Protein backbone atom coordinates (compact mmCIF):
# COMPACT_ATOMS: atom_id res chain seq x y z
CA MET A 1 12.40 -29.77 -45.87
CA ARG A 2 9.26 -27.68 -46.21
CA THR A 3 8.46 -25.14 -43.52
CA ASP A 4 5.07 -26.68 -42.80
CA MET A 5 6.71 -30.07 -42.22
CA VAL A 6 9.15 -28.53 -39.75
CA TYR A 7 6.25 -26.89 -37.95
CA ASN A 8 4.32 -30.17 -37.85
CA TYR A 9 7.31 -31.90 -36.26
CA ALA A 10 7.51 -29.07 -33.74
CA LEU A 11 3.85 -29.60 -32.84
CA TYR A 12 4.38 -33.32 -32.35
CA THR A 13 7.42 -32.56 -30.19
CA ALA A 14 5.33 -30.17 -28.08
CA LEU A 15 2.65 -32.83 -27.75
CA LEU A 16 5.27 -35.37 -26.59
CA PHE A 17 6.53 -32.82 -24.05
CA TYR A 18 2.94 -32.41 -22.85
CA PHE A 19 2.61 -36.13 -22.17
CA ILE A 20 5.87 -35.98 -20.20
CA VAL A 21 4.34 -33.19 -18.09
CA VAL A 22 1.22 -35.29 -17.53
CA ALA A 23 3.30 -38.31 -16.52
CA ARG A 24 5.36 -36.25 -14.07
CA PHE A 25 2.21 -34.78 -12.55
CA VAL A 26 0.65 -38.22 -12.06
CA PHE A 27 3.84 -39.50 -10.44
CA TYR A 28 4.41 -36.51 -8.10
CA ARG A 29 0.84 -35.31 -7.57
CA HIS A 30 0.78 -36.13 -3.84
CA ARG A 31 3.86 -33.98 -3.24
CA ILE A 32 2.72 -30.94 -5.22
CA PHE A 33 1.11 -27.81 -3.76
CA GLN A 34 -2.49 -27.31 -4.84
CA ASN A 35 -2.43 -30.28 -7.23
CA ARG A 36 -6.08 -29.79 -8.22
CA TRP A 37 -5.33 -26.37 -9.67
CA LEU A 38 -2.28 -27.74 -11.44
CA ALA A 39 -4.38 -30.58 -12.90
CA ALA A 40 -6.85 -28.00 -14.24
CA ALA A 41 -3.98 -26.00 -15.75
CA ILE A 42 -2.57 -29.12 -17.45
CA LEU A 43 -5.98 -29.92 -18.96
CA CYS A 44 -6.21 -26.40 -20.38
CA TRP A 45 -3.08 -26.67 -22.52
CA PRO A 46 -4.29 -29.00 -25.33
CA VAL A 47 -7.53 -26.99 -25.56
CA PHE A 48 -5.55 -23.76 -25.97
CA MET A 49 -3.71 -25.41 -28.88
CA LEU A 50 -6.98 -26.52 -30.58
CA ASP A 51 -6.47 -24.30 -33.64
CA GLU A 52 -3.09 -25.93 -34.26
CA TRP A 53 -4.53 -29.44 -33.97
CA MET A 54 -7.10 -28.41 -36.60
CA ARG A 55 -4.30 -27.37 -38.91
CA LEU A 56 -2.16 -30.40 -38.16
CA TRP A 57 -4.85 -33.02 -38.64
CA GLN A 58 -7.07 -31.10 -41.10
CA LEU A 59 -10.09 -31.10 -38.77
CA THR A 60 -12.18 -28.84 -41.00
CA GLN A 61 -15.39 -30.07 -39.37
CA LEU A 62 -14.32 -28.15 -36.26
CA ALA A 63 -13.88 -24.89 -38.17
CA PRO A 64 -16.80 -23.17 -36.32
CA LEU A 65 -14.72 -23.50 -33.13
CA TYR A 66 -11.68 -21.88 -34.73
CA GLY A 67 -10.38 -18.96 -32.69
CA LEU A 68 -12.36 -19.79 -29.55
CA SER A 69 -9.60 -21.53 -27.60
CA ASP A 70 -7.11 -18.73 -26.82
CA VAL A 71 -8.91 -17.97 -23.57
CA PHE A 72 -7.68 -21.27 -22.16
CA ALA A 73 -4.16 -19.84 -21.99
CA VAL A 74 -5.51 -17.21 -19.61
CA LEU A 75 -7.34 -19.87 -17.60
CA LEU A 76 -4.14 -21.94 -17.47
CA MET A 77 -2.15 -19.00 -16.07
CA THR A 78 -4.89 -18.22 -13.56
CA CYS A 79 -4.74 -21.80 -12.29
CA CYS A 80 -0.94 -21.57 -12.10
CA TYR A 81 -1.33 -18.45 -9.97
CA ARG A 82 -3.52 -20.44 -7.59
CA VAL A 83 -0.81 -23.10 -7.45
CA VAL A 84 2.10 -20.75 -6.80
CA LYS A 85 0.63 -18.29 -4.29
CA PRO A 86 0.04 -20.81 -1.43
CA MET A 87 3.64 -21.95 -1.92
CA LEU A 88 4.81 -18.45 -1.02
CA LEU A 89 2.24 -17.13 1.46
CA ALA A 90 0.96 -18.90 4.57
CA TYR A 91 -2.31 -16.97 4.48
CA PRO A 92 -3.02 -16.16 0.81
CA SER A 93 -6.03 -13.98 0.13
CA THR A 94 -8.68 -15.27 -2.27
CA ARG A 95 -9.30 -12.24 -4.42
CA SER A 96 -12.08 -12.40 -6.98
CA ARG A 97 -10.15 -9.78 -9.01
CA LEU A 98 -7.79 -12.56 -10.03
CA TRP A 99 -10.53 -13.85 -12.35
CA VAL A 100 -11.17 -10.48 -14.02
CA PRO A 101 -8.62 -11.05 -16.84
CA PHE A 102 -10.15 -14.46 -17.55
CA TRP A 103 -13.72 -13.15 -17.82
CA VAL A 104 -12.61 -10.21 -19.96
CA ALA A 105 -10.85 -12.68 -22.26
CA VAL A 106 -13.99 -14.87 -22.39
CA ILE A 107 -16.18 -11.94 -23.46
CA ILE A 108 -13.75 -10.79 -26.13
CA GLN A 109 -13.19 -14.36 -27.30
CA PHE A 110 -16.87 -14.73 -28.13
CA THR A 111 -16.57 -11.92 -30.69
CA ILE A 112 -14.91 -14.56 -32.90
CA LEU A 113 -18.43 -15.90 -33.51
CA LEU A 114 -19.04 -12.77 -35.63
CA ILE A 115 -16.62 -14.11 -38.24
CA PRO A 116 -18.15 -16.43 -40.88
CA THR A 117 -17.05 -20.08 -40.89
CA ALA A 118 -15.92 -19.73 -44.53
CA ASP A 119 -13.33 -17.16 -43.49
CA LYS A 120 -12.14 -19.40 -40.67
CA LEU A 121 -11.61 -22.25 -43.15
CA GLN A 122 -9.36 -19.96 -45.18
CA TRP A 123 -7.41 -19.01 -42.05
CA LEU A 124 -6.54 -22.64 -41.50
CA ASP A 125 -4.34 -22.28 -44.59
CA ALA A 126 -3.15 -18.69 -44.09
CA SER A 127 -3.71 -16.30 -41.18
CA PRO A 128 -5.35 -12.92 -41.87
CA SER A 129 -3.22 -9.81 -42.18
CA GLY A 130 -4.19 -6.16 -42.08
CA HIS A 131 -7.77 -4.80 -42.30
CA PRO A 132 -8.04 -4.20 -38.53
CA LEU A 133 -11.47 -2.53 -38.78
CA LEU A 134 -12.94 -5.50 -40.63
CA LEU A 135 -11.17 -8.39 -38.88
CA TRP A 136 -10.84 -6.87 -35.41
CA PRO A 137 -12.37 -9.87 -33.56
CA ALA A 138 -9.52 -12.15 -34.71
CA TYR A 139 -6.82 -9.70 -33.68
CA LEU A 140 -8.44 -8.47 -30.48
CA ALA A 141 -8.87 -11.98 -29.06
CA SER A 142 -5.19 -12.83 -29.59
CA LEU A 143 -4.06 -9.48 -28.22
CA THR A 144 -6.22 -9.90 -25.12
CA THR A 145 -4.78 -13.36 -24.53
CA GLY A 146 -1.24 -12.00 -24.75
CA PHE A 147 -1.99 -9.11 -22.39
CA CYS A 148 -3.72 -11.34 -19.83
CA VAL A 149 -0.91 -13.90 -19.82
CA LEU A 150 1.56 -11.02 -19.49
CA LEU A 151 -0.36 -9.51 -16.56
CA ILE A 152 -0.75 -12.76 -14.60
CA GLY A 153 2.86 -13.70 -15.34
CA ILE A 154 4.01 -10.38 -13.89
CA LEU A 155 1.89 -10.92 -10.77
CA ILE A 156 3.36 -14.38 -10.20
CA THR A 157 6.91 -13.12 -10.82
CA GLU A 158 6.41 -10.27 -8.34
CA HIS A 159 5.17 -12.70 -5.69
CA ILE A 160 8.24 -14.90 -6.18
CA GLN A 161 10.60 -11.91 -6.04
CA MET A 162 8.95 -10.65 -2.84
CA TYR A 163 9.20 -14.12 -1.35
CA HIS A 164 12.93 -14.33 -2.12
CA ARG A 165 13.54 -10.79 -0.90
CA ASN A 166 11.93 -11.56 2.47
CA LEU A 167 13.29 -15.09 2.95
CA PRO A 168 15.95 -13.96 5.48
CA GLU A 169 13.10 -12.44 7.48
CA GLN A 170 11.38 -15.77 7.96
CA VAL A 171 13.82 -18.68 7.56
CA ALA A 172 17.23 -19.44 9.01
CA ASP A 173 18.51 -21.53 6.07
CA VAL A 174 17.64 -19.53 2.97
CA GLN A 175 19.02 -21.97 0.39
CA GLU A 176 16.67 -24.70 1.62
CA PHE A 177 13.58 -22.78 0.51
CA ARG A 178 14.51 -20.82 -2.61
CA VAL A 179 12.70 -21.37 -5.94
CA PRO A 180 15.05 -19.67 -8.45
CA ARG A 181 14.15 -21.84 -11.44
CA LEU A 182 10.46 -21.09 -11.06
CA ALA A 183 11.25 -17.38 -11.01
CA SER A 184 13.22 -17.73 -14.27
CA VAL A 185 10.43 -19.73 -15.91
CA MET A 186 7.81 -17.12 -15.02
CA ALA A 187 10.04 -14.26 -16.18
CA ASN A 188 10.53 -16.07 -19.51
CA THR A 189 6.75 -16.40 -19.89
CA VAL A 190 6.39 -12.65 -19.40
CA VAL A 191 8.95 -12.00 -22.16
CA VAL A 192 7.25 -14.45 -24.55
CA ALA A 193 3.81 -12.92 -23.89
CA PHE A 194 5.18 -9.45 -24.64
CA ALA A 195 6.77 -10.69 -27.88
CA SER A 196 3.45 -12.32 -28.81
CA ILE A 197 1.66 -9.00 -28.32
CA LEU A 198 4.15 -7.30 -30.65
CA LEU A 199 3.66 -10.05 -33.25
CA VAL A 200 -0.14 -9.77 -33.22
CA THR A 201 0.03 -5.97 -33.35
CA ALA A 202 2.34 -6.09 -36.35
CA ALA A 203 0.01 -8.54 -38.13
CA THR A 204 -3.02 -6.39 -37.30
CA PHE A 205 -1.68 -3.33 -39.07
CA GLY A 206 0.18 -5.22 -41.78
CA PHE A 207 3.66 -4.20 -40.60
CA PHE A 208 4.90 -7.77 -40.46
CA ILE A 209 3.29 -10.09 -42.98
CA VAL A 210 3.68 -13.71 -41.92
CA PRO A 211 1.19 -16.22 -43.39
CA PHE A 212 1.11 -18.18 -40.13
CA TRP A 213 1.42 -15.54 -37.42
CA GLU A 214 -1.39 -17.25 -35.49
CA SER A 215 0.63 -20.47 -35.41
CA LEU A 216 3.68 -18.56 -34.17
CA HIS A 217 1.49 -16.91 -31.53
CA HIS A 218 0.13 -20.26 -30.35
CA MET A 219 3.44 -22.10 -30.52
CA ALA A 220 5.40 -19.42 -28.65
CA LEU A 221 2.84 -19.14 -25.86
CA GLY A 222 2.16 -22.89 -25.90
CA VAL A 223 5.78 -23.91 -25.43
CA SER A 224 6.28 -21.25 -22.78
CA LEU A 225 3.20 -22.45 -20.87
CA LEU A 226 4.38 -26.05 -21.18
CA VAL A 227 7.66 -25.07 -19.54
CA VAL A 228 5.67 -23.42 -16.73
CA LEU A 229 3.62 -26.59 -16.22
CA PHE A 230 6.76 -28.73 -16.32
CA GLY A 231 8.38 -26.50 -13.71
CA LEU A 232 5.37 -26.79 -11.41
CA THR A 233 5.45 -30.60 -11.50
CA PHE A 234 8.70 -30.55 -9.49
CA PRO A 235 8.05 -31.15 -5.78
CA ARG A 236 9.41 -28.15 -3.89
CA VAL A 237 10.16 -27.30 -0.30
CA THR A 238 9.09 -23.73 0.38
CA SER A 239 8.34 -21.75 3.49
CA PRO A 240 5.01 -19.95 2.97
CA SER A 241 5.56 -16.59 4.59
CA PRO A 242 3.45 -15.76 7.68
CA LEU A 243 4.50 -12.12 7.47
CA HIS A 244 2.09 -9.25 6.97
CA TYR A 245 4.18 -7.33 4.45
CA GLU A 246 2.43 -3.98 4.87
CA ARG A 247 2.99 -4.02 8.63
CA LEU A 248 6.58 -5.13 8.11
CA ASP A 249 7.24 -2.22 5.73
CA GLU A 250 5.69 0.23 8.18
CA GLY A 251 7.86 -1.18 10.96
CA ALA A 252 5.60 0.17 13.70
CA ALA A 253 5.23 -1.54 17.09
CA LYS A 254 5.07 -0.47 20.72
CA PRO A 255 8.47 -0.54 22.51
CA ALA A 256 7.12 -2.53 25.46
CA GLU A 257 5.54 -5.06 23.11
CA MET A 258 8.77 -5.44 21.14
CA ARG A 259 10.84 -6.02 24.29
CA ALA A 260 8.36 -8.61 25.52
CA VAL A 261 8.36 -10.41 22.18
CA ILE A 262 12.17 -10.50 22.00
CA GLY A 263 12.34 -11.81 25.54
CA GLN A 264 9.97 -14.65 24.68
CA ALA A 265 11.92 -15.35 21.50
CA LYS A 266 15.25 -15.57 23.33
CA ARG A 267 13.82 -17.93 25.94
CA ALA A 268 12.28 -20.15 23.27
CA MET A 269 15.54 -20.18 21.28
CA ILE A 270 17.60 -21.28 24.28
CA ASP A 271 15.12 -23.57 26.07
CA GLY A 272 14.11 -25.40 22.90
CA LYS A 273 17.63 -25.30 21.39
CA ASN A 274 15.99 -24.11 18.21
CA TYR A 275 19.30 -22.85 16.81
CA LYS A 276 20.20 -26.52 16.21
CA LYS A 277 17.16 -27.11 14.02
CA ILE A 278 18.08 -27.13 10.33
CA GLY A 279 15.34 -25.55 8.24
CA LEU A 280 13.92 -23.54 11.14
CA THR A 281 11.17 -21.16 9.96
CA LEU A 282 9.75 -18.06 11.55
CA LYS A 283 6.25 -19.56 11.51
CA ASP A 284 7.24 -22.70 13.43
CA PHE A 285 9.40 -20.75 15.83
CA SER A 286 6.70 -18.11 16.47
CA ASP A 287 4.13 -20.82 17.16
CA GLU A 288 6.47 -22.43 19.69
CA ALA A 289 7.38 -19.10 21.31
CA GLY A 290 3.76 -17.92 21.35
CA VAL A 291 4.43 -14.64 19.52
CA ASP A 292 3.11 -12.96 16.39
CA PRO A 293 5.61 -13.54 13.52
CA THR A 294 5.27 -10.07 12.01
CA THR A 295 5.69 -8.38 15.41
CA LEU A 296 8.77 -10.52 16.05
CA ALA A 297 10.27 -9.58 12.65
CA ILE A 298 9.67 -5.88 13.36
CA ALA A 299 11.10 -6.17 16.87
CA LEU A 300 14.24 -7.91 15.62
CA HIS A 301 14.80 -5.12 13.10
CA LEU A 302 14.20 -2.21 15.45
CA GLU A 303 15.64 -3.60 18.69
CA LEU A 304 18.45 -5.91 17.57
CA LYS A 305 19.08 -4.62 14.03
CA LYS A 306 18.78 -8.20 12.73
CA ASN A 307 16.48 -10.29 10.59
CA PHE A 308 15.31 -13.72 11.70
CA ARG A 309 18.20 -15.44 9.93
CA GLY A 310 20.72 -13.20 11.69
CA PHE A 311 18.98 -13.80 15.01
CA VAL A 312 19.25 -17.58 14.65
CA TYR A 313 22.83 -17.48 13.37
CA GLN A 314 23.93 -15.43 16.36
CA TYR A 315 22.99 -18.40 18.57
CA ARG A 316 24.44 -20.89 16.10
CA LEU A 317 27.80 -19.13 16.09
CA ASP A 318 27.78 -18.91 19.89
CA TYR A 319 27.10 -22.64 19.99
CA ALA A 320 29.85 -23.37 17.45
CA LYS A 321 32.34 -21.24 19.39
CA ASN A 322 31.59 -23.06 22.63
CA VAL A 323 31.81 -26.50 21.05
CA LEU A 324 35.13 -25.73 19.35
CA LEU A 325 36.66 -24.19 22.48
CA ARG A 326 35.53 -26.91 24.87
CA SER A 327 36.13 -30.01 22.77
CA ASP A 328 38.30 -31.46 20.02
CA ALA A 329 35.48 -31.32 17.47
CA LYS A 330 36.50 -30.36 13.96
CA ILE A 331 35.07 -27.32 12.20
CA ALA A 332 33.73 -29.54 9.38
CA LYS A 333 31.70 -31.61 11.85
CA VAL A 334 30.27 -28.54 13.59
CA ALA A 335 29.49 -26.92 10.23
CA LYS A 336 27.58 -29.99 9.10
CA ARG A 337 25.65 -30.06 12.39
CA LEU A 338 24.56 -26.46 11.77
CA GLY A 339 23.55 -27.09 8.17
CA LEU A 340 26.59 -25.48 6.54
CA ASN A 341 28.07 -27.40 3.65
CA SER A 342 31.41 -25.60 3.71
CA ASP A 343 33.73 -25.80 6.70
CA LYS A 344 35.86 -23.04 5.13
CA PHE A 345 32.83 -20.75 5.08
CA MET A 346 32.09 -21.74 8.67
CA GLY A 347 35.64 -20.96 9.68
CA ASP A 348 35.67 -17.55 7.99
CA VAL A 349 32.33 -16.57 9.51
CA LEU A 350 33.34 -17.80 12.96
CA VAL A 351 36.64 -15.89 12.90
CA LYS A 352 34.84 -12.71 11.87
CA TYR A 353 32.22 -13.27 14.55
CA LEU A 354 34.82 -13.82 17.28
CA ARG A 355 36.56 -10.61 16.32
CA ASN A 356 33.44 -8.48 16.38
CA SER A 357 31.12 -10.16 18.88
CA GLN A 358 30.54 -9.14 22.44
CA GLU A 359 30.07 -11.55 25.34
CA PRO A 360 27.96 -14.68 24.59
CA HIS A 361 24.25 -14.35 25.18
């Protein structure tokens, strides 16, 4: 089978995958964070692939538009950033700097207009190679797209990693709120964008002569972005962090303030029996206790040497110990009541706790 036929089938497969993404979004749209931004990102994908549709369906009448669609990959990633950030942060900042990569890509993309339409018609059959001083607009636009996707992908990945790293600081049941697959998808996009940059650089200087390097560039990024969109169509339960990370890292608070906050937290934990609540978050608990979540997290670290998860589990283990000692309840039943799927794990933790704990609070 000819290579171009294989590539055509791959394009049709990608297009089918796109329609699956659209169908999933329509079905789950009411359960998705920031669904307007995700809708905008989904609409960007077929426009980004415009050059490949021209090749696939021989749309030579659209040749003047050839090379002008790469910027939509940057716009797609920017929209994805706006989808992901509110999933992870309770009070996300709206920074105009987020749009800088997009506007830089737009400006550079317009340099493609300097290339004659006749040359673009030839590139539909075979991508340019070498002659960087003469054909720099074609190479620079693709390189900029790769760099911008790489940059935004790194930003999103860093936000997800920070969210996971601080989950024990702001939720009691960590596994309920993790988003590991999304982290893997974003990390894969970063790798693909970097590989795309290497491919375009090699084609620019003639190190790696591939007649259809532009198609490889579009297909690699396109499939990777489709996977990102597909991943974002899954409804997720997250706990947007209310923590002020800079204050948390500094760990500075007045001793009297910390003692007062911990006192309020202990009263709220006992009076409201919050240790029984599966999926308890620092934000909800702080609102009920009437304390600042970041101050509480700092106080727990400095005064009790615990994070929020450890603070809650101290009360849960006390509760489990009392129930098991005062009744005939089985460990499996108590473990399920506290949101633990494994009674063996519950037993091991409880035995360790009983050995090392002091008097019940």
